[in-house]
Amino acid sequence: MKSLVDPQSQTDPSFKSTKLYTRMTASEVRRQLIAQYGYTEEELPTSETIRRKLNDLGYTLKRVLKTKPIKKIPETEAIFEQVKQINTQA
């Protein structure tokens, strides 16, 4: 399962947790195990069991959000104003 899920996984962009976020659902992992590794429907556990196992391995199904930028510092406007003045003088 890890060989299927690892290429589709990312860590938390803010590094606040050790969870790995993946875009693959448990049902998709089950389908890929059948297609790529030749398992039969009867040999594999249900999607719910695969989901629990993925969670135990540290994988969570979640769309990875981009980190939000830090709020502007008060000097930001002054810096850009100074850059604008320098550009007009050049």
Protein backbone atom coordinates (compact mmCIF):
# COMPACT_ATOMS: atom_id res chain seq x y z
CA MET A 1 0.00 0.00 0.00
CA LYS A 2 2.82 2.40 0.84
CA SER A 3 4.31 2.03 -2.64
CA LEU A 4 0.99 3.18 -4.11
CA VAL A 5 0.27 6.00 -1.68
CA ASP A 6 3.75 7.50 -1.13
CA PRO A 7 4.06 9.10 -4.60
CA GLN A 8 0.63 10.72 -4.08
CA SER A 9 1.40 12.05 -0.58
CA GLN A 10 2.65 15.30 0.88
CA THR A 11 3.60 16.41 4.35
CA ASP A 12 1.86 19.20 6.20
CA PRO A 13 3.14 22.39 4.47
CA SER A 14 3.49 24.21 7.78
CA PHE A 15 5.24 21.19 9.40
CA LYS A 16 2.93 21.46 12.41
CA SER A 17 2.14 17.74 12.35
CA THR A 18 3.75 14.52 11.22
CA LYS A 19 0.72 13.43 9.20
CA LEU A 20 1.03 12.67 5.53
CA TYR A 21 -1.78 13.92 3.35
CA THR A 22 -2.68 11.87 0.31
CA ARG A 23 -5.02 12.43 -2.61
CA MET A 24 -5.79 8.71 -3.00
CA THR A 25 -8.94 7.36 -1.43
CA ALA A 26 -9.03 3.93 0.17
CA SER A 27 -11.26 2.73 -2.68
CA GLU A 28 -8.69 3.91 -5.21
CA VAL A 29 -5.90 2.14 -3.29
CA ARG A 30 -8.00 -1.04 -3.39
CA ARG A 31 -8.59 -0.68 -7.16
CA GLN A 32 -4.86 -0.09 -7.76
CA LEU A 33 -3.90 -3.16 -5.70
CA ILE A 34 -6.16 -5.23 -7.95
CA ALA A 35 -4.95 -3.61 -11.20
CA GLN A 36 -1.22 -3.38 -10.49
CA TYR A 37 -0.53 -6.28 -8.16
CA GLY A 38 -3.05 -8.85 -9.39
CA TYR A 39 -5.06 -9.26 -6.20
CA THR A 40 -8.64 -10.45 -6.52
CA GLU A 41 -11.67 -8.81 -4.92
CA GLU A 42 -11.96 -11.67 -2.43
CA GLU A 43 -8.31 -11.48 -1.34
CA LEU A 44 -8.47 -7.84 -0.28
CA PRO A 45 -10.19 -6.36 2.76
CA THR A 46 -12.93 -3.76 2.38
CA SER A 47 -12.19 -0.12 1.60
CA GLU A 48 -13.06 0.75 5.19
CA THR A 49 -10.36 -1.61 6.49
CA ILE A 50 -7.83 -0.18 4.02
CA ARG A 51 -8.77 3.35 5.15
CA ARG A 52 -8.13 2.40 8.79
CA LYS A 53 -4.79 0.84 7.89
CA LEU A 54 -3.76 3.95 5.94
CA ASN A 55 -4.69 6.08 8.96
CA ASP A 56 -2.61 3.79 11.20
CA LEU A 57 0.33 4.30 8.83
CA GLY A 58 -0.05 8.07 9.20
CA TYR A 59 -1.86 8.86 5.95
CA THR A 60 -4.86 11.16 5.92
CA LEU A 61 -7.10 11.88 2.96
CA LYS A 62 -7.04 15.64 2.69
CA ARG A 63 -6.39 18.22 0.07
CA VAL A 64 -3.17 19.95 0.99
CA LEU A 65 -3.72 23.64 1.58
CA LYS A 66 -1.14 26.20 0.66
CA THR A 67 0.42 28.01 3.55
CA LYS A 68 -1.02 31.42 4.14
CA PRO A 69 1.38 34.35 3.85
CA ILE A 70 2.41 36.16 6.98
CA LYS A 71 0.58 39.42 7.56
CA LYS A 72 2.24 42.52 6.19
CA ILE A 73 4.49 44.45 8.49
CA PRO A 74 3.71 48.16 8.90
CA GLU A 75 6.84 49.14 6.96
CA THR A 76 5.72 47.27 3.81
CA GLU A 77 3.90 50.23 2.29
CA ALA A 78 6.84 52.54 3.03
CA ILE A 79 9.25 50.10 1.38
CA PHE A 80 7.17 49.87 -1.78
CA GLU A 81 6.72 53.65 -1.88
CA GLN A 82 10.49 54.08 -1.69
CA VAL A 83 11.03 51.52 -4.47
CA LYS A 84 8.45 53.34 -6.61
CA GLN A 85 10.25 56.66 -6.10
CA ILE A 86 13.61 55.14 -7.00
CA ASN A 87 12.15 53.60 -10.16
CA THR A 88 10.63 56.90 -11.29
CA GLN A 89 13.96 58.69 -10.72
CA ALA A 90 15.89 56.10 -12.74
